[in-house]
């Protein structure tokens, strides 16, 4: 029996990858007898670790077009891909699929790539022809429906691995979190750019209030590039109940764990609530059905709406925003006007 091969090109942003999971589940169910191949960056694969969406993963590492595009295209051609769904909107992904001999190529007609697609869906635009902010999760779902899937819905999902959970066990033990009635995670990072950052002093003030007034244990999350920021927030909070993930995974410990997306997923899964910037871990909370408060600044909430019933979005409407800029050219008012008092009151409401 000939097995059908279906490929899916995944987005490069962590949060977008999580928002693709309803579409991925629909594709997996629809093509249940097929071999489903995920094409993605290596760090995106960490997001999907533990899941069953793919039978095989191909890494698209980028680099020069003559190497990255052709290398992935050769692998696709060897596998004889029947259909490909391009969740990535880049010209590069469409060209790779075309050169890879994928017979049916489904994607959005953007960035001059329509001629490379067999099914080119028009993106939503307003009456003036501009891209209309609309949830990415819905955009991915439309692609899955074009491939023949049932309507995917909005329930995101993620999984952790046994090694992720063992790493989180160590973190919980070192922070003595089992001694507290609730653990609240704070996430201050944002790979998009500095414009998404909430001031570190605000995070410290919030952590201090959560510890002193609620008696919460607080864990400040971080990736390898955010160690110093997380350490600074925890130190400024100046409370023994506030810890940074950087300190609990520091080299001073003889035994790991190391900072990873898998560890962050496991920590968010265990948390009673997450307070976060508009970044990847925000979507981890939705996928694990955890309450989450998201602090929006320069970005449109509409682009990344997740429909998560236990989510609250906070954003100050300012005359210069949402600007979608990575770095604020002014005074960062969209974030500085959002006070720790407001965020604390919102967390109280969600936890009650």
C-alpha atoms as a PDB file:
ATOM      1  CA  UNK A   1       0.000   0.000   0.000  1.00  0.00           C
ATOM      2  CA  UNK A   2       1.307   3.453  -0.942  1.00  0.00           C
ATOM      3  CA  UNK A   3       1.362   5.831   2.046  1.00  0.00           C
ATOM      4  CA  UNK A   4       0.499   9.468   1.408  1.00  0.00           C
ATOM      5  CA  UNK A   5       3.063  12.030   2.573  1.00  0.00           C
ATOM      6  CA  UNK A   6       1.861  15.362   3.951  1.00  0.00           C
ATOM      7  CA  UNK A   7       4.253  18.142   4.987  1.00  0.00           C
ATOM      8  CA  UNK A   8       3.568  21.149   7.205  1.00  0.00           C
ATOM      9  CA  UNK A   9       5.864  24.190   7.326  1.00  0.00           C
ATOM     10  CA  UNK A  10       5.709  25.614  10.845  1.00  0.00           C
ATOM     11  CA  UNK A  11       6.040  29.296  11.814  1.00  0.00           C
ATOM     12  CA  UNK A  12       9.261  30.542  13.395  1.00  0.00           C
ATOM     13  CA  UNK A  13       7.790  32.350  16.405  1.00  0.00           C
ATOM     14  CA  UNK A  14       7.242  30.229  19.544  1.00  0.00           C
ATOM     15  CA  UNK A  15       3.786  31.621  20.270  1.00  0.00           C
ATOM     16  CA  UNK A  16       2.653  31.183  16.674  1.00  0.00           C
ATOM     17  CA  UNK A  17       3.800  27.562  16.777  1.00  0.00           C
ATOM     18  CA  UNK A  18       1.551  26.944  19.800  1.00  0.00           C
ATOM     19  CA  UNK A  19      -1.367  28.683  18.072  1.00  0.00           C
ATOM     20  CA  UNK A  20      -0.914  26.265  15.173  1.00  0.00           C
ATOM     21  CA  UNK A  21      -1.741  23.228  17.330  1.00  0.00           C
ATOM     22  CA  UNK A  22      -5.517  23.186  16.652  1.00  0.00           C
ATOM     23  CA  UNK A  23      -4.778  23.133  12.908  1.00  0.00           C
ATOM     24  CA  UNK A  24      -2.108  20.473  13.425  1.00  0.00           C
ATOM     25  CA  UNK A  25      -4.522  18.272  15.354  1.00  0.00           C
ATOM     26  CA  UNK A  26      -7.096  18.623  12.590  1.00  0.00           C
ATOM     27  CA  UNK A  27      -4.488  17.735   9.947  1.00  0.00           C
ATOM     28  CA  UNK A  28      -3.291  14.742  11.978  1.00  0.00           C
ATOM     29  CA  UNK A  29      -6.861  13.455  12.340  1.00  0.00           C
ATOM     30  CA  UNK A  30      -7.796  14.076   8.706  1.00  0.00           C
ATOM     31  CA  UNK A  31      -4.668  12.444   7.306  1.00  0.00           C
ATOM     32  CA  UNK A  32      -4.659   9.655   9.880  1.00  0.00           C
ATOM     33  CA  UNK A  33      -3.262   7.073   7.449  1.00  0.00           C
ATOM     34  CA  UNK A  34      -0.661   9.449   6.000  1.00  0.00           C
ATOM     35  CA  UNK A  35       2.909  10.182   7.018  1.00  0.00           C
ATOM     36  CA  UNK A  36       2.933  13.746   8.392  1.00  0.00           C
ATOM     37  CA  UNK A  37       6.231  15.604   8.157  1.00  0.00           C
ATOM     38  CA  UNK A  38       6.880  18.788  10.145  1.00  0.00           C
ATOM     39  CA  UNK A  39       9.346  21.290   8.659  1.00  0.00           C
ATOM     40  CA  UNK A  40      10.636  23.719  11.276  1.00  0.00           C
ATOM     41  CA  UNK A  41      13.533  25.428  13.003  1.00  0.00           C
ATOM     42  CA  UNK A  42      15.280  23.277  15.636  1.00  0.00           C
ATOM     43  CA  UNK A  43      14.156  25.506  18.525  1.00  0.00           C
ATOM     44  CA  UNK A  44      10.535  25.273  17.354  1.00  0.00           C
ATOM     45  CA  UNK A  45      10.806  21.487  17.606  1.00  0.00           C
ATOM     46  CA  UNK A  46      11.277  21.930  21.380  1.00  0.00           C
ATOM     47  CA  UNK A  47       7.769  23.385  21.539  1.00  0.00           C
ATOM     48  CA  UNK A  48       6.294  20.231  20.018  1.00  0.00           C
ATOM     49  CA  UNK A  49       8.380  17.757  22.038  1.00  0.00           C
ATOM     50  CA  UNK A  50       6.204  15.062  23.593  1.00  0.00           C
ATOM     51  CA  UNK A  51       3.385  15.469  21.078  1.00  0.00           C
ATOM     52  CA  UNK A  52       2.134  13.148  18.362  1.00  0.00           C
ATOM     53  CA  UNK A  53       1.411  15.532  15.495  1.00  0.00           C
ATOM     54  CA  UNK A  54       4.325  14.435  13.314  1.00  0.00           C
ATOM     55  CA  UNK A  55       5.789  11.162  12.105  1.00  0.00           C
ATOM     56  CA  UNK A  56       8.999  12.919  11.112  1.00  0.00           C
ATOM     57  CA  UNK A  57      10.610  16.314  11.601  1.00  0.00           C
ATOM     58  CA  UNK A  58      12.850  18.044   9.054  1.00  0.00           C
ATOM     59  CA  UNK A  59      14.971  20.926  10.271  1.00  0.00           C
ATOM     60  CA  UNK A  60      15.030  24.065   8.155  1.00  0.00           C
ATOM     61  CA  UNK A  61      18.033  25.849   9.600  1.00  0.00           C
ATOM     62  CA  UNK A  62      17.960  28.855   7.315  1.00  0.00           C
ATOM     63  CA  UNK A  63      21.306  30.123   6.052  1.00  0.00           C
ATOM     64  CA  UNK A  64      22.056  30.918   2.408  1.00  0.00           C
ATOM     65  CA  UNK A  65      19.230  30.117   0.015  1.00  0.00           C
ATOM     66  CA  UNK A  66      21.529  27.941  -2.046  1.00  0.00           C
ATOM     67  CA  UNK A  67      22.064  25.730   0.987  1.00  0.00           C
ATOM     68  CA  UNK A  68      18.983  25.962   3.222  1.00  0.00           C
ATOM     69  CA  UNK A  69      16.266  26.009   0.558  1.00  0.00           C
ATOM     70  CA  UNK A  70      17.857  23.427  -1.696  1.00  0.00           C
ATOM     71  CA  UNK A  71      18.809  21.115   1.156  1.00  0.00           C
ATOM     72  CA  UNK A  72      15.240  20.947   2.497  1.00  0.00           C
ATOM     73  CA  UNK A  73      13.798  20.764  -1.027  1.00  0.00           C
ATOM     74  CA  UNK A  74      15.959  17.729  -1.781  1.00  0.00           C
ATOM     75  CA  UNK A  75      14.694  15.975   1.346  1.00  0.00           C
ATOM     76  CA  UNK A  76      11.078  16.708   0.443  1.00  0.00           C
ATOM     77  CA  UNK A  77      11.597  15.478  -3.110  1.00  0.00           C
ATOM     78  CA  UNK A  78      13.095  12.206  -1.844  1.00  0.00           C
ATOM     79  CA  UNK A  79       9.996  11.647   0.293  1.00  0.00           C
ATOM     80  CA  UNK A  80       7.543  12.343  -2.527  1.00  0.00           C
ATOM     81  CA  UNK A  81       5.302  14.810  -0.686  1.00  0.00           C
ATOM     82  CA  UNK A  82       1.711  14.823  -1.953  1.00  0.00           C
ATOM     83  CA  UNK A  83       0.435  17.898  -0.090  1.00  0.00           C
ATOM     84  CA  UNK A  84       2.086  20.664   1.904  1.00  0.00           C
ATOM     85  CA  UNK A  85       0.424  23.215   4.183  1.00  0.00           C
ATOM     86  CA  UNK A  86       2.463  26.386   4.595  1.00  0.00           C
ATOM     87  CA  UNK A  87       1.721  27.916   7.978  1.00  0.00           C
ATOM     88  CA  UNK A  88       4.754  30.103   7.384  1.00  0.00           C
ATOM     89  CA  UNK A  89       4.007  33.078   5.119  1.00  0.00           C
ATOM     90  CA  UNK A  90       7.525  33.469   3.730  1.00  0.00           C
ATOM     91  CA  UNK A  91       8.543  33.340   0.084  1.00  0.00           C
ATOM     92  CA  UNK A  92      11.297  30.987   1.187  1.00  0.00           C
ATOM     93  CA  UNK A  93       8.884  28.321   2.422  1.00  0.00           C
ATOM     94  CA  UNK A  94       6.800  28.423  -0.766  1.00  0.00           C
ATOM     95  CA  UNK A  95       9.896  28.182  -2.968  1.00  0.00           C
ATOM     96  CA  UNK A  96      11.211  25.267  -0.905  1.00  0.00           C
ATOM     97  CA  UNK A  97       7.906  23.407  -1.305  1.00  0.00           C
ATOM     98  CA  UNK A  98       7.834  24.080  -5.059  1.00  0.00           C
ATOM     99  CA  UNK A  99      11.426  22.957  -5.596  1.00  0.00           C
ATOM    100  CA  UNK A 100      10.716  19.985  -3.327  1.00  0.00           C
ATOM    101  CA  UNK A 101       8.158  18.692  -5.810  1.00  0.00           C
ATOM    102  CA  UNK A 102       5.196  18.920  -3.410  1.00  0.00           C
ATOM    103  CA  UNK A 103       2.188  18.339  -5.633  1.00  0.00           C
ATOM    104  CA  UNK A 104      -0.379  20.421  -3.755  1.00  0.00           C
ATOM    105  CA  UNK A 105       0.870  23.581  -2.035  1.00  0.00           C
ATOM    106  CA  UNK A 106      -1.548  25.397   0.274  1.00  0.00           C
ATOM    107  CA  UNK A 107      -0.710  28.816   1.691  1.00  0.00           C
ATOM    108  CA  UNK A 108      -1.575  32.494   1.795  1.00  0.00           C
ATOM    109  CA  UNK A 109      -1.070  34.721  -1.222  1.00  0.00           C
ATOM    110  CA  UNK A 110       1.499  36.997   0.374  1.00  0.00           C
ATOM    111  CA  UNK A 111       5.019  38.242  -0.350  1.00  0.00           C
ATOM    112  CA  UNK A 112       4.761  37.613  -4.087  1.00  0.00           C
ATOM    113  CA  UNK A 113       4.531  33.847  -3.802  1.00  0.00           C
ATOM    114  CA  UNK A 114       1.097  33.166  -5.344  1.00  0.00           C
ATOM    115  CA  UNK A 115       2.588  31.600  -8.490  1.00  0.00           C
ATOM    116  CA  UNK A 116       4.392  29.062  -6.319  1.00  0.00           C
ATOM    117  CA  UNK A 117       1.143  27.808  -4.740  1.00  0.00           C
ATOM    118  CA  UNK A 118      -1.587  25.565  -6.099  1.00  0.00           C
ATOM    119  CA  UNK A 119      -4.055  26.822  -3.460  1.00  0.00           C
ATOM    120  CA  UNK A 120      -3.378  30.508  -2.744  1.00  0.00           C
ATOM    121  CA  UNK A 121      -5.740  31.826  -0.071  1.00  0.00           C
ATOM    122  CA  UNK A 122      -6.238  35.610   0.077  1.00  0.00           C
ATOM    123  CA  UNK A 123      -5.418  37.084   3.502  1.00  0.00           C
ATOM    124  CA  UNK A 124      -8.086  39.165   5.212  1.00  0.00           C
ATOM    125  CA  UNK A 125      -7.858  42.836   4.254  1.00  0.00           C
ATOM    126  CA  UNK A 126      -9.841  45.949   5.162  1.00  0.00           C
ATOM    127  CA  UNK A 127     -11.742  48.164   2.728  1.00  0.00           C
ATOM    128  CA  UNK A 128      -8.517  50.026   1.877  1.00  0.00           C
ATOM    129  CA  UNK A 129      -6.677  46.824   0.994  1.00  0.00           C
ATOM    130  CA  UNK A 130      -4.485  46.770   4.090  1.00  0.00           C
ATOM    131  CA  UNK A 131      -3.885  43.590   6.081  1.00  0.00           C
ATOM    132  CA  UNK A 132      -6.613  43.354   8.669  1.00  0.00           C
ATOM    133  CA  UNK A 133      -5.539  42.334  12.184  1.00  0.00           C
ATOM    134  CA  UNK A 134      -7.161  38.977  12.845  1.00  0.00           C
ATOM    135  CA  UNK A 135      -6.196  36.043  15.050  1.00  0.00           C
ATOM    136  CA  UNK A 136      -3.323  33.970  13.701  1.00  0.00           C
ATOM    137  CA  UNK A 137      -4.988  30.873  15.125  1.00  0.00           C
ATOM    138  CA  UNK A 138      -7.937  31.467  12.774  1.00  0.00           C
ATOM    139  CA  UNK A 139      -5.597  32.016   9.821  1.00  0.00           C
ATOM    140  CA  UNK A 140      -3.959  28.641  10.448  1.00  0.00           C
ATOM    141  CA  UNK A 141      -7.352  27.005  10.824  1.00  0.00           C
ATOM    142  CA  UNK A 142      -8.459  28.300   7.415  1.00  0.00           C
ATOM    143  CA  UNK A 143      -5.440  26.622   5.823  1.00  0.00           C
ATOM    144  CA  UNK A 144      -6.313  23.314   7.503  1.00  0.00           C
ATOM    145  CA  UNK A 145      -9.896  23.576   6.261  1.00  0.00           C
ATOM    146  CA  UNK A 146      -8.611  24.241   2.733  1.00  0.00           C
ATOM    147  CA  UNK A 147      -6.696  20.958   3.014  1.00  0.00           C
ATOM    148  CA  UNK A 148     -10.001  19.202   3.683  1.00  0.00           C
ATOM    149  CA  UNK A 149      -9.996  19.127   7.488  1.00  0.00           C
ATOM    150  CA  UNK A 150     -12.925  19.654   9.783  1.00  0.00           C
ATOM    151  CA  UNK A 151     -13.086  23.046  11.492  1.00  0.00           C
ATOM    152  CA  UNK A 152     -10.202  22.860  14.005  1.00  0.00           C
ATOM    153  CA  UNK A 153     -11.586  25.080  16.794  1.00  0.00           C
ATOM    154  CA  UNK A 154      -9.456  26.992  19.276  1.00  0.00           C
ATOM    155  CA  UNK A 155      -8.297  24.459  21.869  1.00  0.00           C
ATOM    156  CA  UNK A 156      -4.498  24.571  21.870  1.00  0.00           C
ATOM    157  CA  UNK A 157      -2.459  21.718  23.286  1.00  0.00           C
ATOM    158  CA  UNK A 158       1.100  21.035  24.377  1.00  0.00           C
ATOM    159  CA  UNK A 159       2.921  18.200  26.089  1.00  0.00           C
ATOM    160  CA  UNK A 160       5.942  17.822  28.331  1.00  0.00           C
ATOM    161  CA  UNK A 161       8.508  15.044  28.313  1.00  0.00           C
ATOM    162  CA  UNK A 162       9.696  13.010  31.285  1.00  0.00           C
ATOM    163  CA  UNK A 163      13.002  14.919  31.224  1.00  0.00           C
ATOM    164  CA  UNK A 164      11.105  18.238  31.294  1.00  0.00           C
ATOM    165  CA  UNK A 165       9.198  17.074  34.370  1.00  0.00           C
ATOM    166  CA  UNK A 166      12.327  15.834  36.138  1.00  0.00           C
ATOM    167  CA  UNK A 167      13.927  19.230  35.555  1.00  0.00           C
ATOM    168  CA  UNK A 168      10.850  20.972  36.967  1.00  0.00           C
ATOM    169  CA  UNK A 169      10.925  18.621  39.988  1.00  0.00           C
ATOM    170  CA  UNK A 170      14.416  19.907  40.798  1.00  0.00           C
ATOM    171  CA  UNK A 171      13.336  23.525  40.417  1.00  0.00           C
ATOM    172  CA  UNK A 172      10.311  22.969  42.665  1.00  0.00           C
ATOM    173  CA  UNK A 173      12.463  21.270  45.288  1.00  0.00           C
ATOM    174  CA  UNK A 174      15.119  24.000  45.287  1.00  0.00           C
ATOM    175  CA  UNK A 175      12.487  26.728  45.569  1.00  0.00           C
ATOM    176  CA  UNK A 176      10.589  24.725  48.226  1.00  0.00           C
ATOM    177  CA  UNK A 177       7.451  25.497  46.244  1.00  0.00           C
ATOM    178  CA  UNK A 178       5.632  22.511  47.690  1.00  0.00           C
ATOM    179  CA  UNK A 179       5.426  24.490  50.967  1.00  0.00           C
ATOM    180  CA  UNK A 180       3.186  27.144  49.402  1.00  0.00           C
ATOM    181  CA  UNK A 181      -0.485  27.045  48.529  1.00  0.00           C
ATOM    182  CA  UNK A 182       0.139  28.696  45.166  1.00  0.00           C
ATOM    183  CA  UNK A 183       3.005  29.324  42.769  1.00  0.00           C
ATOM    184  CA  UNK A 184       2.821  32.243  40.380  1.00  0.00           C
ATOM    185  CA  UNK A 185       5.156  32.491  37.393  1.00  0.00           C
ATOM    186  CA  UNK A 186       6.283  35.786  35.896  1.00  0.00           C
ATOM    187  CA  UNK A 187       7.672  36.020  32.379  1.00  0.00           C
ATOM    188  CA  UNK A 188       9.437  39.265  31.506  1.00  0.00           C
ATOM    189  CA  UNK A 189      11.090  38.363  28.207  1.00  0.00           C
ATOM    190  CA  UNK A 190      10.001  39.048  24.636  1.00  0.00           C
ATOM    191  CA  UNK A 191      12.045  37.951  21.646  1.00  0.00           C
ATOM    192  CA  UNK A 192      10.117  40.378  19.410  1.00  0.00           C
ATOM    193  CA  UNK A 193      11.945  43.387  20.838  1.00  0.00           C
ATOM    194  CA  UNK A 194      12.405  45.762  23.771  1.00  0.00           C
ATOM    195  CA  UNK A 195       9.123  47.547  23.031  1.00  0.00           C
ATOM    196  CA  UNK A 196       7.214  44.579  24.494  1.00  0.00           C
ATOM    197  CA  UNK A 197       9.062  44.712  27.819  1.00  0.00           C
ATOM    198  CA  UNK A 198       7.309  45.763  31.009  1.00  0.00           C
ATOM    199  CA  UNK A 199       9.812  47.580  33.283  1.00  0.00           C
ATOM    200  CA  UNK A 200      11.791  45.181  35.478  1.00  0.00           C
ATOM    201  CA  UNK A 201      11.078  47.394  38.517  1.00  0.00           C
ATOM    202  CA  UNK A 202       7.357  46.854  37.885  1.00  0.00           C
ATOM    203  CA  UNK A 203       7.832  43.090  37.802  1.00  0.00           C
ATOM    204  CA  UNK A 204       9.775  43.306  41.074  1.00  0.00           C
ATOM    205  CA  UNK A 205       7.034  45.362  42.707  1.00  0.00           C
ATOM    206  CA  UNK A 206       4.394  42.883  41.544  1.00  0.00           C
ATOM    207  CA  UNK A 207       6.416  39.905  42.814  1.00  0.00           C
ATOM    208  CA  UNK A 208       6.859  41.598  46.191  1.00  0.00           C
ATOM    209  CA  UNK A 209       3.127  42.220  46.577  1.00  0.00           C
ATOM    210  CA  UNK A 210       2.228  38.685  45.530  1.00  0.00           C
ATOM    211  CA  UNK A 211       4.621  37.287  48.125  1.00  0.00           C
ATOM    212  CA  UNK A 212       3.762  39.628  50.994  1.00  0.00           C
ATOM    213  CA  UNK A 213       0.021  40.081  50.518  1.00  0.00           C
ATOM    214  CA  UNK A 214      -0.959  36.674  49.129  1.00  0.00           C
ATOM    215  CA  UNK A 215       1.838  34.567  50.571  1.00  0.00           C
ATOM    216  CA  UNK A 216       2.545  33.260  47.072  1.00  0.00           C
ATOM    217  CA  UNK A 217       5.746  31.669  45.905  1.00  0.00           C
ATOM    218  CA  UNK A 218       6.910  33.504  42.791  1.00  0.00           C
ATOM    219  CA  UNK A 219       9.088  32.075  40.031  1.00  0.00           C
ATOM    220  CA  UNK A 220      10.572  34.463  37.473  1.00  0.00           C
ATOM    221  CA  UNK A 221      10.987  32.539  34.228  1.00  0.00           C
ATOM    222  CA  UNK A 222      13.769  33.110  31.726  1.00  0.00           C
ATOM    223  CA  UNK A 223      15.660  31.703  28.794  1.00  0.00           C
ATOM    224  CA  UNK A 224      19.454  31.619  28.475  1.00  0.00           C
ATOM    225  CA  UNK A 225      19.556  35.220  27.170  1.00  0.00           C
ATOM    226  CA  UNK A 226      17.368  36.527  30.010  1.00  0.00           C
ATOM    227  CA  UNK A 227      19.266  35.172  33.010  1.00  0.00           C
ATOM    228  CA  UNK A 228      20.455  38.583  34.207  1.00  0.00           C
ATOM    229  CA  UNK A 229      17.029  40.171  33.871  1.00  0.00           C
ATOM    230  CA  UNK A 230      15.314  37.396  35.840  1.00  0.00           C
ATOM    231  CA  UNK A 231      17.993  37.514  38.541  1.00  0.00           C
ATOM    232  CA  UNK A 232      17.624  41.294  38.784  1.00  0.00           C
ATOM    233  CA  UNK A 233      13.830  41.089  39.191  1.00  0.00           C
ATOM    234  CA  UNK A 234      14.050  38.475  41.943  1.00  0.00           C
ATOM    235  CA  UNK A 235      16.834  40.349  43.775  1.00  0.00           C
ATOM    236  CA  UNK A 236      14.959  43.649  43.677  1.00  0.00           C
ATOM    237  CA  UNK A 237      11.785  41.992  44.993  1.00  0.00           C
ATOM    238  CA  UNK A 238      13.874  41.189  48.090  1.00  0.00           C
ATOM    239  CA  UNK A 239      11.657  38.430  49.454  1.00  0.00           C
ATOM    240  CA  UNK A 240      12.684  34.807  50.186  1.00  0.00           C
ATOM    241  CA  UNK A 241       9.537  33.562  48.452  1.00  0.00           C
ATOM    242  CA  UNK A 242      10.605  35.093  45.118  1.00  0.00           C
ATOM    243  CA  UNK A 243      13.050  33.085  42.991  1.00  0.00           C
ATOM    244  CA  UNK A 244      14.372  33.351  39.468  1.00  0.00           C
ATOM    245  CA  UNK A 245      14.672  30.316  37.249  1.00  0.00           C
ATOM    246  CA  UNK A 246      18.193  31.552  36.525  1.00  0.00           C
ATOM    247  CA  UNK A 247      19.184  31.119  40.184  1.00  0.00           C
ATOM    248  CA  UNK A 248      17.504  27.724  40.535  1.00  0.00           C
ATOM    249  CA  UNK A 249      19.378  26.368  37.515  1.00  0.00           C
ATOM    250  CA  UNK A 250      22.691  28.104  38.238  1.00  0.00           C
ATOM    251  CA  UNK A 251      26.027  26.348  37.619  1.00  0.00           C
ATOM    252  CA  UNK A 252      26.615  26.309  41.402  1.00  0.00           C
ATOM    253  CA  UNK A 253      24.346  23.248  41.532  1.00  0.00           C
ATOM    254  CA  UNK A 254      26.169  20.000  40.867  1.00  0.00           C
ATOM    255  CA  UNK A 255      23.154  18.569  39.066  1.00  0.00           C
ATOM    256  CA  UNK A 256      21.218  20.406  36.262  1.00  0.00           C
ATOM    257  CA  UNK A 257      18.774  21.315  34.999  1.00  0.00           C
ATOM    258  CA  UNK A 258      19.622  23.678  32.160  1.00  0.00           C
ATOM    259  CA  UNK A 259      17.357  26.408  30.890  1.00  0.00           C
ATOM    260  CA  UNK A 260      15.186  25.177  28.034  1.00  0.00           C
ATOM    261  CA  UNK A 261      11.782  25.627  26.471  1.00  0.00           C
ATOM    262  CA  UNK A 262      10.842  22.215  27.844  1.00  0.00           C
ATOM    263  CA  UNK A 263      11.585  23.339  31.400  1.00  0.00           C
ATOM    264  CA  UNK A 264       9.598  26.526  30.873  1.00  0.00           C
ATOM    265  CA  UNK A 265       6.644  24.481  29.604  1.00  0.00           C
ATOM    266  CA  UNK A 266       6.780  22.218  32.661  1.00  0.00           C
ATOM    267  CA  UNK A 267       6.948  25.198  35.046  1.00  0.00           C
ATOM    268  CA  UNK A 268       4.003  26.960  33.399  1.00  0.00           C
ATOM    269  CA  UNK A 269       2.006  23.719  33.476  1.00  0.00           C
ATOM    270  CA  UNK A 270       2.465  23.524  37.260  1.00  0.00           C
ATOM    271  CA  UNK A 271       1.814  27.205  37.973  1.00  0.00           C
ATOM    272  CA  UNK A 272      -1.396  28.524  39.468  1.00  0.00           C
ATOM    273  CA  UNK A 273      -1.149  31.621  37.300  1.00  0.00           C
ATOM    274  CA  UNK A 274       1.194  33.254  34.784  1.00  0.00           C
ATOM    275  CA  UNK A 275       1.793  36.977  34.353  1.00  0.00           C
ATOM    276  CA  UNK A 276       3.605  37.601  31.099  1.00  0.00           C
ATOM    277  CA  UNK A 277       4.479  39.932  28.298  1.00  0.00           C
ATOM    278  CA  UNK A 278       3.067  39.157  24.859  1.00  0.00           C
ATOM    279  CA  UNK A 279       5.523  36.331  24.205  1.00  0.00           C
ATOM    280  CA  UNK A 280       5.723  32.571  23.720  1.00  0.00           C
ATOM    281  CA  UNK A 281       5.115  31.383  27.310  1.00  0.00           C
ATOM    282  CA  UNK A 282       1.798  33.235  27.274  1.00  0.00           C
ATOM    283  CA  UNK A 283       0.588  30.582  24.831  1.00  0.00           C
ATOM    284  CA  UNK A 284       2.017  27.785  26.969  1.00  0.00           C
ATOM    285  CA  UNK A 285      -0.452  28.846  29.665  1.00  0.00           C
ATOM    286  CA  UNK A 286      -3.398  28.665  27.288  1.00  0.00           C
ATOM    287  CA  UNK A 287      -2.316  25.255  25.989  1.00  0.00           C
ATOM    288  CA  UNK A 288      -2.084  23.889  29.552  1.00  0.00           C
ATOM    289  CA  UNK A 289      -5.333  25.627  30.589  1.00  0.00           C
ATOM    290  CA  UNK A 290      -3.635  27.838  33.164  1.00  0.00           C
ATOM    291  CA  UNK A 291      -4.896  31.326  34.093  1.00  0.00           C
ATOM    292  CA  UNK A 292      -2.805  34.007  32.403  1.00  0.00           C
ATOM    293  CA  UNK A 293      -2.534  37.792  32.534  1.00  0.00           C
ATOM    294  CA  UNK A 294      -0.871  39.210  29.420  1.00  0.00           C
ATOM    295  CA  UNK A 295       0.668  42.685  29.373  1.00  0.00           C
ATOM    296  CA  UNK A 296       0.281  44.177  25.908  1.00  0.00           C
ATOM    297  CA  UNK A 297       2.081  47.265  24.682  1.00  0.00           C
ATOM    298  CA  UNK A 298       3.006  47.907  21.040  1.00  0.00           C
ATOM    299  CA  UNK A 299       1.207  44.940  19.470  1.00  0.00           C
ATOM    300  CA  UNK A 300      -2.379  44.391  18.349  1.00  0.00           C
ATOM    301  CA  UNK A 301      -4.207  42.017  20.666  1.00  0.00           C
ATOM    302  CA  UNK A 302      -6.256  40.911  17.653  1.00  0.00           C
ATOM    303  CA  UNK A 303      -3.289  39.235  15.951  1.00  0.00           C
ATOM    304  CA  UNK A 304      -2.630  36.839  18.811  1.00  0.00           C
ATOM    305  CA  UNK A 305      -6.073  36.319  20.342  1.00  0.00           C
ATOM    306  CA  UNK A 306      -6.241  32.746  21.624  1.00  0.00           C
ATOM    307  CA  UNK A 307      -9.870  32.589  22.834  1.00  0.00           C
ATOM    308  CA  UNK A 308      -8.567  31.133  26.108  1.00  0.00           C
ATOM    309  CA  UNK A 309     -11.384  31.521  28.677  1.00  0.00           C
ATOM    310  CA  UNK A 310      -8.934  31.952  31.583  1.00  0.00           C
ATOM    311  CA  UNK A 311      -6.967  34.786  29.993  1.00  0.00           C
ATOM    312  CA  UNK A 312      -7.066  38.515  30.721  1.00  0.00           C
ATOM    313  CA  UNK A 313      -5.410  41.020  28.388  1.00  0.00           C
ATOM    314  CA  UNK A 314      -4.221  44.349  29.770  1.00  0.00           C
ATOM    315  CA  UNK A 315      -3.333  47.198  27.427  1.00  0.00           C
ATOM    316  CA  UNK A 316      -3.228  50.963  27.701  1.00  0.00           C
ATOM    317  CA  UNK A 317      -4.704  52.733  24.714  1.00  0.00           C
ATOM    318  CA  UNK A 318      -2.266  55.472  23.776  1.00  0.00           C
ATOM    319  CA  UNK A 319      -2.288  57.860  20.831  1.00  0.00           C
ATOM    320  CA  UNK A 320       0.864  56.330  19.312  1.00  0.00           C
ATOM    321  CA  UNK A 321      -0.154  52.694  19.488  1.00  0.00           C
ATOM    322  CA  UNK A 322      -0.392  49.872  18.852  1.00  0.00           C
ATOM    323  CA  UNK A 323       2.607  50.702  16.667  1.00  0.00           C
ATOM    324  CA  UNK A 324       3.995  47.179  16.080  1.00  0.00           C
ATOM    325  CA  UNK A 325       7.528  48.560  16.525  1.00  0.00           C
ATOM    326  CA  UNK A 326      10.237  46.414  18.045  1.00  0.00           C
ATOM    327  CA  UNK A 327      11.881  49.365  19.810  1.00  0.00           C
ATOM    328  CA  UNK A 328       9.934  52.362  21.136  1.00  0.00           C
ATOM    329  CA  UNK A 329      11.138  55.672  19.642  1.00  0.00           C
ATOM    330  CA  UNK A 330       9.350  57.670  22.350  1.00  0.00           C
ATOM    331  CA  UNK A 331       8.910  57.072  26.083  1.00  0.00           C
ATOM    332  CA  UNK A 332       7.459  53.524  26.156  1.00  0.00           C
ATOM    333  CA  UNK A 333       4.244  54.934  27.604  1.00  0.00           C
ATOM    334  CA  UNK A 334       2.104  51.994  26.455  1.00  0.00           C
ATOM    335  CA  UNK A 335       3.927  49.829  28.996  1.00  0.00           C
ATOM    336  CA  UNK A 336       4.931  52.281  31.731  1.00  0.00           C
ATOM    337  CA  UNK A 337       1.336  53.492  32.165  1.00  0.00           C
ATOM    338  CA  UNK A 338       0.316  49.926  33.055  1.00  0.00           C
ATOM    339  CA  UNK A 339       1.010  49.882  36.793  1.00  0.00           C
ATOM    340  CA  UNK A 340       1.881  47.010  39.137  1.00  0.00           C
ATOM    341  CA  UNK A 341      -1.230  47.888  41.178  1.00  0.00           C
ATOM    342  CA  UNK A 342      -3.487  47.252  38.168  1.00  0.00           C
ATOM    343  CA  UNK A 343      -1.786  43.985  37.372  1.00  0.00           C
ATOM    344  CA  UNK A 344      -1.923  42.835  40.988  1.00  0.00           C
ATOM    345  CA  UNK A 345      -5.673  43.560  41.132  1.00  0.00           C
ATOM    346  CA  UNK A 346      -6.186  41.553  37.934  1.00  0.00           C
ATOM    347  CA  UNK A 347      -4.257  38.569  39.305  1.00  0.00           C
ATOM    348  CA  UNK A 348      -6.368  38.709  42.463  1.00  0.00           C
ATOM    349  CA  UNK A 349      -9.520  38.548  40.347  1.00  0.00           C
ATOM    350  CA  UNK A 350      -8.307  35.579  38.309  1.00  0.00           C
ATOM    351  CA  UNK A 351      -7.077  33.630  41.316  1.00  0.00           C
ATOM    352  CA  UNK A 352     -10.394  34.107  43.091  1.00  0.00           C
END
